[in-house]
């Protein structure tokens, strides 16, 4: 497996609109290296579909605590929504779902 350069993306408030709602932008927080796993189908029993979504696992040596406020991960020019972060010994497993072309 290859190591790929990735970027953690976080959402920061840049101001407010005329109705005082927060206006946010997504900025790159830090770079790190990941190994990319294959896509996995996710099935929910209540929907009746063949599958309801797909997830992918990313493996990194970066500590899990660094991903606390992150909303997405960019790998190979594609941004993915961050679904779950779990620490497994000295590695961290990032579970991502979906492709977010509007982030970049």
PDB file of N, CA and C in Angstrom:
ATOM      1  N   UNK A   1       0.838  -1.187   0.000  1.00  0.00           N
ATOM      2  CA  UNK A   1       0.000   0.000   0.000  1.00  0.00           C
ATOM      3  C   UNK A   1       0.879   1.245   0.000  1.00  0.00           C
ATOM      4  N   UNK A   2       0.362   2.270  -0.617  1.00  0.00           N
ATOM      5  CA  UNK A   2       1.086   3.532  -0.690  1.00  0.00           C
ATOM      6  C   UNK A   2       0.604   4.483   0.391  1.00  0.00           C
ATOM      7  N   UNK A   3       1.488   5.369   0.785  1.00  0.00           N
ATOM      8  CA  UNK A   3       1.129   6.465   1.671  1.00  0.00           C
ATOM      9  C   UNK A   3       0.803   7.672   0.800  1.00  0.00           C
ATOM     10  N   UNK A   4      -0.311   8.331   1.083  1.00  0.00           N
ATOM     11  CA  UNK A   4      -0.729   9.517   0.345  1.00  0.00           C
ATOM     12  C   UNK A   4      -0.735  10.717   1.280  1.00  0.00           C
ATOM     13  N   UNK A   5      -0.409  11.871   0.731  1.00  0.00           N
ATOM     14  CA  UNK A   5      -0.493  13.110   1.509  1.00  0.00           C
ATOM     15  C   UNK A   5      -1.968  13.511   1.597  1.00  0.00           C
ATOM     16  N   UNK A   6      -2.405  13.862   2.788  1.00  0.00           N
ATOM     17  CA  UNK A   6      -3.788  14.267   3.022  1.00  0.00           C
ATOM     18  C   UNK A   6      -3.800  15.576   3.799  1.00  0.00           C
ATOM     19  N   UNK A   7      -4.938  16.236   3.774  1.00  0.00           N
ATOM     20  CA  UNK A   7      -5.113  17.480   4.522  1.00  0.00           C
ATOM     21  C   UNK A   7      -6.392  17.385   5.335  1.00  0.00           C
ATOM     22  N   UNK A   8      -6.314  17.752   6.601  1.00  0.00           N
ATOM     23  CA  UNK A   8      -7.497  17.812   7.456  1.00  0.00           C
ATOM     24  C   UNK A   8      -8.151  19.174   7.247  1.00  0.00           C
ATOM     25  N   UNK A   9      -9.469  19.171   7.089  1.00  0.00           N
ATOM     26  CA  UNK A   9     -10.216  20.395   6.816  1.00  0.00           C
ATOM     27  C   UNK A   9     -11.139  20.672   7.990  1.00  0.00           C
ATOM     28  N   UNK A  10     -11.102  21.913   8.468  1.00  0.00           N
ATOM     29  CA  UNK A  10     -12.004  22.294   9.552  1.00  0.00           C
ATOM     30  C   UNK A  10     -12.844  23.485   9.113  1.00  0.00           C
ATOM     31  N   UNK A  11     -13.968  23.657   9.767  1.00  0.00           N
ATOM     32  CA  UNK A  11     -14.895  24.738   9.457  1.00  0.00           C
ATOM     33  C   UNK A  11     -14.677  25.869  10.456  1.00  0.00           C
ATOM     34  N   UNK A  12     -14.410  27.082   9.934  1.00  0.00           N
ATOM     35  CA  UNK A  12     -14.205  28.252  10.785  1.00  0.00           C
ATOM     36  C   UNK A  12     -15.238  29.314  10.457  1.00  0.00           C
ATOM     37  N   UNK A  13     -15.707  29.994  11.486  1.00  0.00           N
ATOM     38  CA  UNK A  13     -16.664  31.074  11.279  1.00  0.00           C
ATOM     39  C   UNK A  13     -15.919  32.311  10.789  1.00  0.00           C
ATOM     40  N   UNK A  14     -16.368  32.853   9.652  1.00  0.00           N
ATOM     41  CA  UNK A  14     -15.715  34.024   9.067  1.00  0.00           C
ATOM     42  C   UNK A  14     -16.525  35.294   9.247  1.00  0.00           C
ATOM     43  N   UNK A  15     -17.728  35.183   9.765  1.00  0.00           N
ATOM     44  CA  UNK A  15     -18.562  36.369   9.974  1.00  0.00           C
ATOM     45  C   UNK A  15     -20.004  35.967  10.194  1.00  0.00           C
ATOM     46  N   UNK A  16     -20.896  36.940  10.067  1.00  0.00           N
ATOM     47  CA  UNK A  16     -22.328  36.693  10.183  1.00  0.00           C
ATOM     48  C   UNK A  16     -23.036  37.396   9.032  1.00  0.00           C
ATOM     49  N   UNK A  17     -24.209  36.882   8.667  1.00  0.00           N
ATOM     50  CA  UNK A  17     -24.992  37.531   7.625  1.00  0.00           C
ATOM     51  C   UNK A  17     -25.944  38.540   8.244  1.00  0.00           C
ATOM     52  N   UNK A  18     -26.838  39.105   7.421  1.00  0.00           N
ATOM     53  CA  UNK A  18     -27.731  40.155   7.918  1.00  0.00           C
ATOM     54  C   UNK A  18     -28.737  39.655   8.944  1.00  0.00           C
ATOM     55  N   UNK A  19     -28.959  38.347   9.028  1.00  0.00           N
ATOM     56  CA  UNK A  19     -29.866  37.773  10.028  1.00  0.00           C
ATOM     57  C   UNK A  19     -29.112  37.234  11.234  1.00  0.00           C
ATOM     58  N   UNK A  20     -27.827  37.556  11.329  1.00  0.00           N
ATOM     59  CA  UNK A  20     -26.941  37.151  12.424  1.00  0.00           C
ATOM     60  C   UNK A  20     -26.694  35.640  12.475  1.00  0.00           C
ATOM     61  N   UNK A  21     -26.829  34.977  11.332  1.00  0.00           N
ATOM     62  CA  UNK A  21     -26.464  33.568  11.232  1.00  0.00           C
ATOM     63  C   UNK A  21     -24.970  33.470  10.952  1.00  0.00           C
ATOM     64  N   UNK A  22     -24.302  32.483  11.503  1.00  0.00           N
ATOM     65  CA  UNK A  22     -22.857  32.373  11.248  1.00  0.00           C
ATOM     66  C   UNK A  22     -22.571  32.014   9.791  1.00  0.00           C
ATOM     67  N   UNK A  23     -21.556  32.639   9.242  1.00  0.00           N
ATOM     68  CA  UNK A  23     -21.061  32.324   7.903  1.00  0.00           C
ATOM     69  C   UNK A  23     -19.718  31.631   8.093  1.00  0.00           C
ATOM     70  N   UNK A  24     -19.597  30.419   7.570  1.00  0.00           N
ATOM     71  CA  UNK A  24     -18.388  29.618   7.787  1.00  0.00           C
ATOM     72  C   UNK A  24     -17.693  29.322   6.467  1.00  0.00           C
ATOM     73  N   UNK A  25     -16.407  29.110   6.557  1.00  0.00           N
ATOM     74  CA  UNK A  25     -15.627  28.636   5.416  1.00  0.00           C
ATOM     75  C   UNK A  25     -14.780  27.461   5.892  1.00  0.00           C
ATOM     76  N   UNK A  26     -14.410  26.627   4.942  1.00  0.00           N
ATOM     77  CA  UNK A  26     -13.622  25.444   5.279  1.00  0.00           C
ATOM     78  C   UNK A  26     -12.170  25.694   4.903  1.00  0.00           C
ATOM     79  N   UNK A  27     -11.279  25.530   5.879  1.00  0.00           N
ATOM     80  CA  UNK A  27      -9.858  25.805   5.681  1.00  0.00           C
ATOM     81  C   UNK A  27      -9.044  24.566   6.051  1.00  0.00           C
ATOM     82  N   UNK A  28      -7.890  24.456   5.448  1.00  0.00           N
ATOM     83  CA  UNK A  28      -6.994  23.343   5.737  1.00  0.00           C
ATOM     84  C   UNK A  28      -6.318  23.573   7.086  1.00  0.00           C
ATOM     85  N   UNK A  29      -6.349  22.558   7.953  1.00  0.00           N
ATOM     86  CA  UNK A  29      -5.789  22.689   9.297  1.00  0.00           C
ATOM     87  C   UNK A  29      -4.348  22.182   9.357  1.00  0.00           C
ATOM     88  N   UNK A  30      -4.092  20.980   8.851  1.00  0.00           N
ATOM     89  CA  UNK A  30      -2.746  20.412   8.864  1.00  0.00           C
ATOM     90  C   UNK A  30      -2.660  19.308   7.819  1.00  0.00           C
ATOM     91  N   UNK A  31      -1.439  18.975   7.425  1.00  0.00           N
ATOM     92  CA  UNK A  31      -1.180  17.893   6.477  1.00  0.00           C
ATOM     93  C   UNK A  31      -0.689  16.662   7.227  1.00  0.00           C
ATOM     94  N   UNK A  32      -0.984  15.500   6.674  1.00  0.00           N
ATOM     95  CA  UNK A  32      -0.543  14.242   7.266  1.00  0.00           C
ATOM     96  C   UNK A  32      -0.541  13.181   6.171  1.00  0.00           C
ATOM     97  N   UNK A  33      -0.085  11.983   6.491  1.00  0.00           N
ATOM     98  CA  UNK A  33      -0.031  10.888   5.528  1.00  0.00           C
ATOM     99  C   UNK A  33      -1.037   9.811   5.913  1.00  0.00           C
ATOM    100  N   UNK A  34      -1.693   9.222   4.895  1.00  0.00           N
ATOM    101  CA  UNK A  34      -2.690   8.173   5.120  1.00  0.00           C
ATOM    102  C   UNK A  34      -2.480   7.032   4.138  1.00  0.00           C
ATOM    103  N   UNK A  35      -2.986   5.888   4.529  1.00  0.00           N
ATOM    104  CA  UNK A  35      -3.163   4.763   3.618  1.00  0.00           C
ATOM    105  C   UNK A  35      -4.657   4.646   3.368  1.00  0.00           C
ATOM    106  N   UNK A  36      -5.039   4.461   2.116  1.00  0.00           N
ATOM    107  CA  UNK A  36      -6.446   4.483   1.718  1.00  0.00           C
ATOM    108  C   UNK A  36      -6.946   3.066   1.514  1.00  0.00           C
ATOM    109  N   UNK A  37      -8.058   2.740   2.155  1.00  0.00           N
ATOM    110  CA  UNK A  37      -8.682   1.432   1.995  1.00  0.00           C
ATOM    111  C   UNK A  37      -9.787   1.480   0.955  1.00  0.00           C
ATOM    112  N   UNK A  38     -10.367   0.331   0.621  1.00  0.00           N
ATOM    113  CA  UNK A  38     -11.437   0.290  -0.383  1.00  0.00           C
ATOM    114  C   UNK A  38     -12.761   0.807   0.181  1.00  0.00           C
ATOM    115  N   UNK A  39     -13.687   1.093  -0.715  1.00  0.00           N
ATOM    116  CA  UNK A  39     -15.032   1.495  -0.310  1.00  0.00           C
ATOM    117  C   UNK A  39     -15.779   0.285   0.232  1.00  0.00           C
ATOM    118  N   UNK A  40     -16.632   0.499   1.247  1.00  0.00           N
ATOM    119  CA  UNK A  40     -17.454  -0.556   1.833  1.00  0.00           C
ATOM    120  C   UNK A  40     -18.908  -0.116   1.803  1.00  0.00           C
ATOM    121  N   UNK A  41     -19.782  -1.035   1.437  1.00  0.00           N
ATOM    122  CA  UNK A  41     -21.209  -0.731   1.421  1.00  0.00           C
ATOM    123  C   UNK A  41     -21.745  -0.718   2.845  1.00  0.00           C
ATOM    124  N   UNK A  42     -22.659   0.207   3.114  1.00  0.00           N
ATOM    125  CA  UNK A  42     -23.296   0.312   4.419  1.00  0.00           C
ATOM    126  C   UNK A  42     -24.776   0.031   4.231  1.00  0.00           C
ATOM    127  N   UNK A  43     -25.308  -0.916   4.979  1.00  0.00           N
ATOM    128  CA  UNK A  43     -26.707  -1.291   4.830  1.00  0.00           C
ATOM    129  C   UNK A  43     -27.481  -0.950   6.087  1.00  0.00           C
ATOM    130  N   UNK A  44     -28.618  -0.295   5.897  1.00  0.00           N
ATOM    131  CA  UNK A  44     -29.549  -0.037   6.992  1.00  0.00           C
ATOM    132  C   UNK A  44     -30.759  -0.941   6.785  1.00  0.00           C
ATOM    133  N   UNK A  45     -31.166  -1.638   7.825  1.00  0.00           N
ATOM    134  CA  UNK A  45     -32.246  -2.614   7.697  1.00  0.00           C
ATOM    135  C   UNK A  45     -33.614  -1.980   7.486  1.00  0.00           C
ATOM    136  N   UNK A  46     -33.767  -0.721   7.839  1.00  0.00           N
ATOM    137  CA  UNK A  46     -35.095  -0.119   7.791  1.00  0.00           C
ATOM    138  C   UNK A  46     -35.444   0.485   6.437  1.00  0.00           C
ATOM    139  N   UNK A  47     -34.509   0.638   5.514  1.00  0.00           N
ATOM    140  CA  UNK A  47     -34.786   1.335   4.264  1.00  0.00           C
ATOM    141  C   UNK A  47     -35.221   0.397   3.140  1.00  0.00           C
ATOM    142  N   UNK A  48     -34.806  -0.858   3.164  1.00  0.00           N
ATOM    143  CA  UNK A  48     -35.190  -1.794   2.125  1.00  0.00           C
ATOM    144  C   UNK A  48     -34.353  -1.706   0.867  1.00  0.00           C
ATOM    145  N   UNK A  49     -33.356  -0.863   0.847  1.00  0.00           N
ATOM    146  CA  UNK A  49     -32.484  -0.756  -0.319  1.00  0.00           C
ATOM    147  C   UNK A  49     -31.391  -1.815  -0.262  1.00  0.00           C
ATOM    148  N   UNK A  50     -30.731  -2.019  -1.394  1.00  0.00           N
ATOM    149  CA  UNK A  50     -29.616  -2.963  -1.416  1.00  0.00           C
ATOM    150  C   UNK A  50     -28.506  -2.475  -0.489  1.00  0.00           C
ATOM    151  N   UNK A  51     -28.215  -1.195  -0.547  1.00  0.00           N
ATOM    152  CA  UNK A  51     -27.310  -0.564   0.409  1.00  0.00           C
ATOM    153  C   UNK A  51     -27.632   0.925   0.440  1.00  0.00           C
ATOM    154  N   UNK A  52     -27.310   1.564   1.529  1.00  0.00           N
ATOM    155  CA  UNK A  52     -27.723   2.941   1.736  1.00  0.00           C
ATOM    156  C   UNK A  52     -26.586   3.944   1.642  1.00  0.00           C
ATOM    157  N   UNK A  53     -25.380   3.497   1.607  1.00  0.00           N
ATOM    158  CA  UNK A  53     -24.256   4.412   1.526  1.00  0.00           C
ATOM    159  C   UNK A  53     -22.962   3.637   1.438  1.00  0.00           C
ATOM    160  N   UNK A  54     -21.882   4.364   1.324  1.00  0.00           N
ATOM    161  CA  UNK A  54     -20.569   3.743   1.277  1.00  0.00           C
ATOM    162  C   UNK A  54     -19.628   4.487   2.208  1.00  0.00           C
ATOM    163  N   UNK A  55     -18.711   3.747   2.798  1.00  0.00           N
ATOM    164  CA  UNK A  55     -17.693   4.346   3.657  1.00  0.00           C
ATOM    165  C   UNK A  55     -16.330   3.833   3.213  1.00  0.00           C
ATOM    166  N   UNK A  56     -15.317   4.537   3.633  1.00  0.00           N
ATOM    167  CA  UNK A  56     -13.936   4.166   3.321  1.00  0.00           C
ATOM    168  C   UNK A  56     -13.108   4.415   4.568  1.00  0.00           C
ATOM    169  N   UNK A  57     -12.110   3.585   4.799  1.00  0.00           N
ATOM    170  CA  UNK A  57     -11.232   3.749   5.955  1.00  0.00           C
ATOM    171  C   UNK A  57      -9.887   4.304   5.514  1.00  0.00           C
ATOM    172  N   UNK A  58      -9.380   5.240   6.301  1.00  0.00           N
ATOM    173  CA  UNK A  58      -8.055   5.808   6.093  1.00  0.00           C
ATOM    174  C   UNK A  58      -7.237   5.512   7.337  1.00  0.00           C
ATOM    175  N   UNK A  59      -6.019   5.070   7.165  1.00  0.00           N
ATOM    176  CA  UNK A  59      -5.142   4.711   8.275  1.00  0.00           C
ATOM    177  C   UNK A  59      -4.004   5.719   8.350  1.00  0.00           C
ATOM    178  N   UNK A  60      -3.753   6.271   9.549  1.00  0.00           N
ATOM    179  CA  UNK A  60      -2.702   7.261   9.717  1.00  0.00           C
ATOM    180  C   UNK A  60      -1.967   7.043  11.033  1.00  0.00           C
ATOM    181  N   UNK A  61      -0.779   7.586  11.130  1.00  0.00           N
ATOM    182  CA  UNK A  61       0.001   7.540  12.368  1.00  0.00           C
ATOM    183  C   UNK A  61      -0.250   8.771  13.232  1.00  0.00           C
ATOM    184  N   UNK A  62      -1.009   9.724  12.746  1.00  0.00           N
ATOM    185  CA  UNK A  62      -1.305  10.950  13.497  1.00  0.00           C
ATOM    186  C   UNK A  62      -2.228  10.610  14.671  1.00  0.00           C
ATOM    187  N   UNK A  63      -2.047  11.217  15.847  1.00  0.00           N
ATOM    188  CA  UNK A  63      -2.900  10.908  17.005  1.00  0.00           C
ATOM    189  C   UNK A  63      -4.368  11.269  16.759  1.00  0.00           C
ATOM    190  N   UNK A  64      -5.262  10.477  17.332  1.00  0.00           N
ATOM    191  CA  UNK A  64      -6.696  10.695  17.137  1.00  0.00           C
ATOM    192  C   UNK A  64      -7.159  12.024  17.720  1.00  0.00           C
ATOM    193  N   UNK A  65      -6.489  12.522  18.743  1.00  0.00           N
ATOM    194  CA  UNK A  65      -6.888  13.785  19.370  1.00  0.00           C
ATOM    195  C   UNK A  65      -6.751  14.970  18.417  1.00  0.00           C
ATOM    196  N   UNK A  66      -5.904  14.864  17.406  1.00  0.00           N
ATOM    197  CA  UNK A  66      -5.719  15.958  16.448  1.00  0.00           C
ATOM    198  C   UNK A  66      -6.933  16.180  15.559  1.00  0.00           C
ATOM    199  N   UNK A  67      -7.816  15.200  15.450  1.00  0.00           N
ATOM    200  CA  UNK A  67      -8.952  15.287  14.541  1.00  0.00           C
ATOM    201  C   UNK A  67     -10.238  15.722  15.242  1.00  0.00           C
ATOM    202  N   UNK A  68     -10.135  16.332  16.413  1.00  0.00           N
ATOM    203  CA  UNK A  68     -11.304  16.707  17.195  1.00  0.00           C
ATOM    204  C   UNK A  68     -12.277  17.634  16.493  1.00  0.00           C
ATOM    205  N   UNK A  69     -11.825  18.722  15.917  1.00  0.00           N
ATOM    206  CA  UNK A  69     -12.730  19.686  15.300  1.00  0.00           C
ATOM    207  C   UNK A  69     -12.777  19.621  13.790  1.00  0.00           C
ATOM    208  N   UNK A  70     -12.312  18.530  13.215  1.00  0.00           N
ATOM    209  CA  UNK A  70     -12.239  18.438  11.760  1.00  0.00           C
ATOM    210  C   UNK A  70     -13.566  17.957  11.173  1.00  0.00           C
ATOM    211  N   UNK A  71     -13.891  18.438   9.973  1.00  0.00           N
ATOM    212  CA  UNK A  71     -15.144  18.046   9.328  1.00  0.00           C
ATOM    213  C   UNK A  71     -14.924  17.231   8.058  1.00  0.00           C
ATOM    214  N   UNK A  72     -13.722  17.305   7.471  1.00  0.00           N
ATOM    215  CA  UNK A  72     -13.468  16.596   6.217  1.00  0.00           C
ATOM    216  C   UNK A  72     -11.982  16.288   6.091  1.00  0.00           C
ATOM    217  N   UNK A  73     -11.670  15.389   5.160  1.00  0.00           N
ATOM    218  CA  UNK A  73     -10.290  15.030   4.856  1.00  0.00           C
ATOM    219  C   UNK A  73     -10.135  15.071   3.339  1.00  0.00           C
ATOM    220  N   UNK A  74      -9.076  15.717   2.874  1.00  0.00           N
ATOM    221  CA  UNK A  74      -8.794  15.773   1.441  1.00  0.00           C
ATOM    222  C   UNK A  74      -7.639  14.830   1.120  1.00  0.00           C
ATOM    223  N   UNK A  75      -7.892  13.893   0.198  1.00  0.00           N
ATOM    224  CA  UNK A  75      -6.880  12.923  -0.227  1.00  0.00           C
ATOM    225  C   UNK A  75      -6.893  12.856  -1.753  1.00  0.00           C
ATOM    226  N   UNK A  76      -5.742  12.979  -2.370  1.00  0.00           N
ATOM    227  CA  UNK A  76      -5.591  12.885  -3.822  1.00  0.00           C
ATOM    228  C   UNK A  76      -6.538  13.833  -4.559  1.00  0.00           C
ATOM    229  N   UNK A  77      -6.739  15.028  -4.028  1.00  0.00           N
ATOM    230  CA  UNK A  77      -7.580  16.013  -4.691  1.00  0.00           C
ATOM    231  C   UNK A  77      -9.067  15.864  -4.454  1.00  0.00           C
ATOM    232  N   UNK A  78      -9.486  14.900  -3.637  1.00  0.00           N
ATOM    233  CA  UNK A  78     -10.896  14.688  -3.331  1.00  0.00           C
ATOM    234  C   UNK A  78     -11.118  14.895  -1.840  1.00  0.00           C
ATOM    235  N   UNK A  79     -12.204  15.557  -1.488  1.00  0.00           N
ATOM    236  CA  UNK A  79     -12.527  15.791  -0.083  1.00  0.00           C
ATOM    237  C   UNK A  79     -13.643  14.843   0.335  1.00  0.00           C
ATOM    238  N   UNK A  80     -13.489  14.230   1.506  1.00  0.00           N
ATOM    239  CA  UNK A  80     -14.452  13.274   2.031  1.00  0.00           C
ATOM    240  C   UNK A  80     -14.930  13.741   3.397  1.00  0.00           C
ATOM    241  N   UNK A  81     -16.212  13.546   3.668  1.00  0.00           N
ATOM    242  CA  UNK A  81     -16.774  13.904   4.968  1.00  0.00           C
ATOM    243  C   UNK A  81     -16.265  12.932   6.029  1.00  0.00           C
ATOM    244  N   UNK A  82     -15.798  13.465   7.140  1.00  0.00           N
ATOM    245  CA  UNK A  82     -15.253  12.650   8.222  1.00  0.00           C
ATOM    246  C   UNK A  82     -16.404  12.129   9.075  1.00  0.00           C
ATOM    247  N   UNK A  83     -16.556  10.806   9.145  1.00  0.00           N
ATOM    248  CA  UNK A  83     -17.666  10.194   9.869  1.00  0.00           C
ATOM    249  C   UNK A  83     -17.271   9.719  11.261  1.00  0.00           C
ATOM    250  N   UNK A  84     -16.063   9.145  11.406  1.00  0.00           N
ATOM    251  CA  UNK A  84     -15.670   8.574  12.686  1.00  0.00           C
ATOM    252  C   UNK A  84     -14.150   8.573  12.789  1.00  0.00           C
ATOM    253  N   UNK A  85     -13.664   8.776  14.006  1.00  0.00           N
ATOM    254  CA  UNK A  85     -12.234   8.707  14.294  1.00  0.00           C
ATOM    255  C   UNK A  85     -12.057   7.725  15.437  1.00  0.00           C
ATOM    256  N   UNK A  86     -11.223   6.706  15.233  1.00  0.00           N
ATOM    257  CA  UNK A  86     -10.980   5.742  16.301  1.00  0.00           C
ATOM    258  C   UNK A  86      -9.489   5.448  16.390  1.00  0.00           C
ATOM    259  N   UNK A  87      -9.001   5.396  17.621  1.00  0.00           N
ATOM    260  CA  UNK A  87      -7.591   5.098  17.865  1.00  0.00           C
ATOM    261  C   UNK A  87      -7.436   3.595  18.040  1.00  0.00           C
ATOM    262  N   UNK A  88      -6.435   3.042  17.383  1.00  0.00           N
ATOM    263  CA  UNK A  88      -6.177   1.614  17.462  1.00  0.00           C
ATOM    264  C   UNK A  88      -4.681   1.425  17.687  1.00  0.00           C
ATOM    265  N   UNK A  89      -4.267   1.465  18.943  1.00  0.00           N
ATOM    266  CA  UNK A  89      -2.849   1.352  19.260  1.00  0.00           C
ATOM    267  C   UNK A  89      -2.100   2.604  18.856  1.00  0.00           C
ATOM    268  N   UNK A  90      -1.063   2.437  18.062  1.00  0.00           N
ATOM    269  CA  UNK A  90      -0.281   3.596  17.627  1.00  0.00           C
ATOM    270  C   UNK A  90      -0.794   4.189  16.321  1.00  0.00           C
ATOM    271  N   UNK A  91      -1.878   3.643  15.765  1.00  0.00           N
ATOM    272  CA  UNK A  91      -2.454   4.176  14.534  1.00  0.00           C
ATOM    273  C   UNK A  91      -3.854   4.711  14.789  1.00  0.00           C
ATOM    274  N   UNK A  92      -4.327   5.542  13.892  1.00  0.00           N
ATOM    275  CA  UNK A  92      -5.671   6.101  13.963  1.00  0.00           C
ATOM    276  C   UNK A  92      -6.416   5.714  12.699  1.00  0.00           C
ATOM    277  N   UNK A  93      -7.647   5.249  12.855  1.00  0.00           N
ATOM    278  CA  UNK A  93      -8.485   4.881  11.722  1.00  0.00           C
ATOM    279  C   UNK A  93      -9.527   5.975  11.532  1.00  0.00           C
ATOM    280  N   UNK A  94      -9.524   6.593  10.355  1.00  0.00           N
ATOM    281  CA  UNK A  94     -10.509   7.607  10.002  1.00  0.00           C
ATOM    282  C   UNK A  94     -11.521   6.965   9.071  1.00  0.00           C
ATOM    283  N   UNK A  95     -12.788   6.997   9.435  1.00  0.00           N
ATOM    284  CA  UNK A  95     -13.839   6.494   8.564  1.00  0.00           C
ATOM    285  C   UNK A  95     -14.461   7.692   7.870  1.00  0.00           C
ATOM    286  N   UNK A  96     -14.438   7.678   6.554  1.00  0.00           N
ATOM    287  CA  UNK A  96     -14.985   8.789   5.779  1.00  0.00           C
ATOM    288  C   UNK A  96     -16.151   8.278   4.962  1.00  0.00           C
ATOM    289  N   UNK A  97     -17.055   9.189   4.641  1.00  0.00           N
ATOM    290  CA  UNK A  97     -18.192   8.807   3.811  1.00  0.00           C
ATOM    291  C   UNK A  97     -18.421   9.886   2.769  1.00  0.00           C
ATOM    292  N   UNK A  98     -18.811   9.451   1.619  1.00  0.00           N
ATOM    293  CA  UNK A  98     -19.177  10.385   0.564  1.00  0.00           C
ATOM    294  C   UNK A  98     -18.033  11.216   0.042  1.00  0.00           C
ATOM    295  N   UNK A  99     -18.246  11.762  -1.099  1.00  0.00           N
ATOM    296  CA  UNK A  99     -17.286  12.628  -1.760  1.00  0.00           C
ATOM    297  C   UNK A  99     -17.904  14.015  -1.784  1.00  0.00           C
ATOM    298  N   UNK A 100     -17.171  15.018  -1.325  1.00  0.00           N
ATOM    299  CA  UNK A 100     -17.704  16.374  -1.238  1.00  0.00           C
ATOM    300  C   UNK A 100     -16.992  17.272  -2.250  1.00  0.00           C
ATOM    301  N   UNK A 101     -17.471  17.343  -3.497  1.00  0.00           N
ATOM    302  CA  UNK A 101     -16.780  18.177  -4.481  1.00  0.00           C
ATOM    303  C   UNK A 101     -16.908  19.666  -4.197  1.00  0.00           C
ATOM    304  N   UNK A 102     -17.878  20.077  -3.397  1.00  0.00           N
ATOM    305  CA  UNK A 102     -18.089  21.497  -3.137  1.00  0.00           C
ATOM    306  C   UNK A 102     -17.139  22.051  -2.087  1.00  0.00           C
ATOM    307  N   UNK A 103     -16.365  21.208  -1.422  1.00  0.00           N
ATOM    308  CA  UNK A 103     -15.439  21.691  -0.396  1.00  0.00           C
ATOM    309  C   UNK A 103     -14.263  22.406  -1.041  1.00  0.00           C
ATOM    310  N   UNK A 104     -13.739  21.873  -2.133  1.00  0.00           N
ATOM    311  CA  UNK A 104     -12.528  22.425  -2.732  1.00  0.00           C
ATOM    312  C   UNK A 104     -12.814  23.547  -3.621  1.00  0.00           C
TER     313      UNK A 104
END
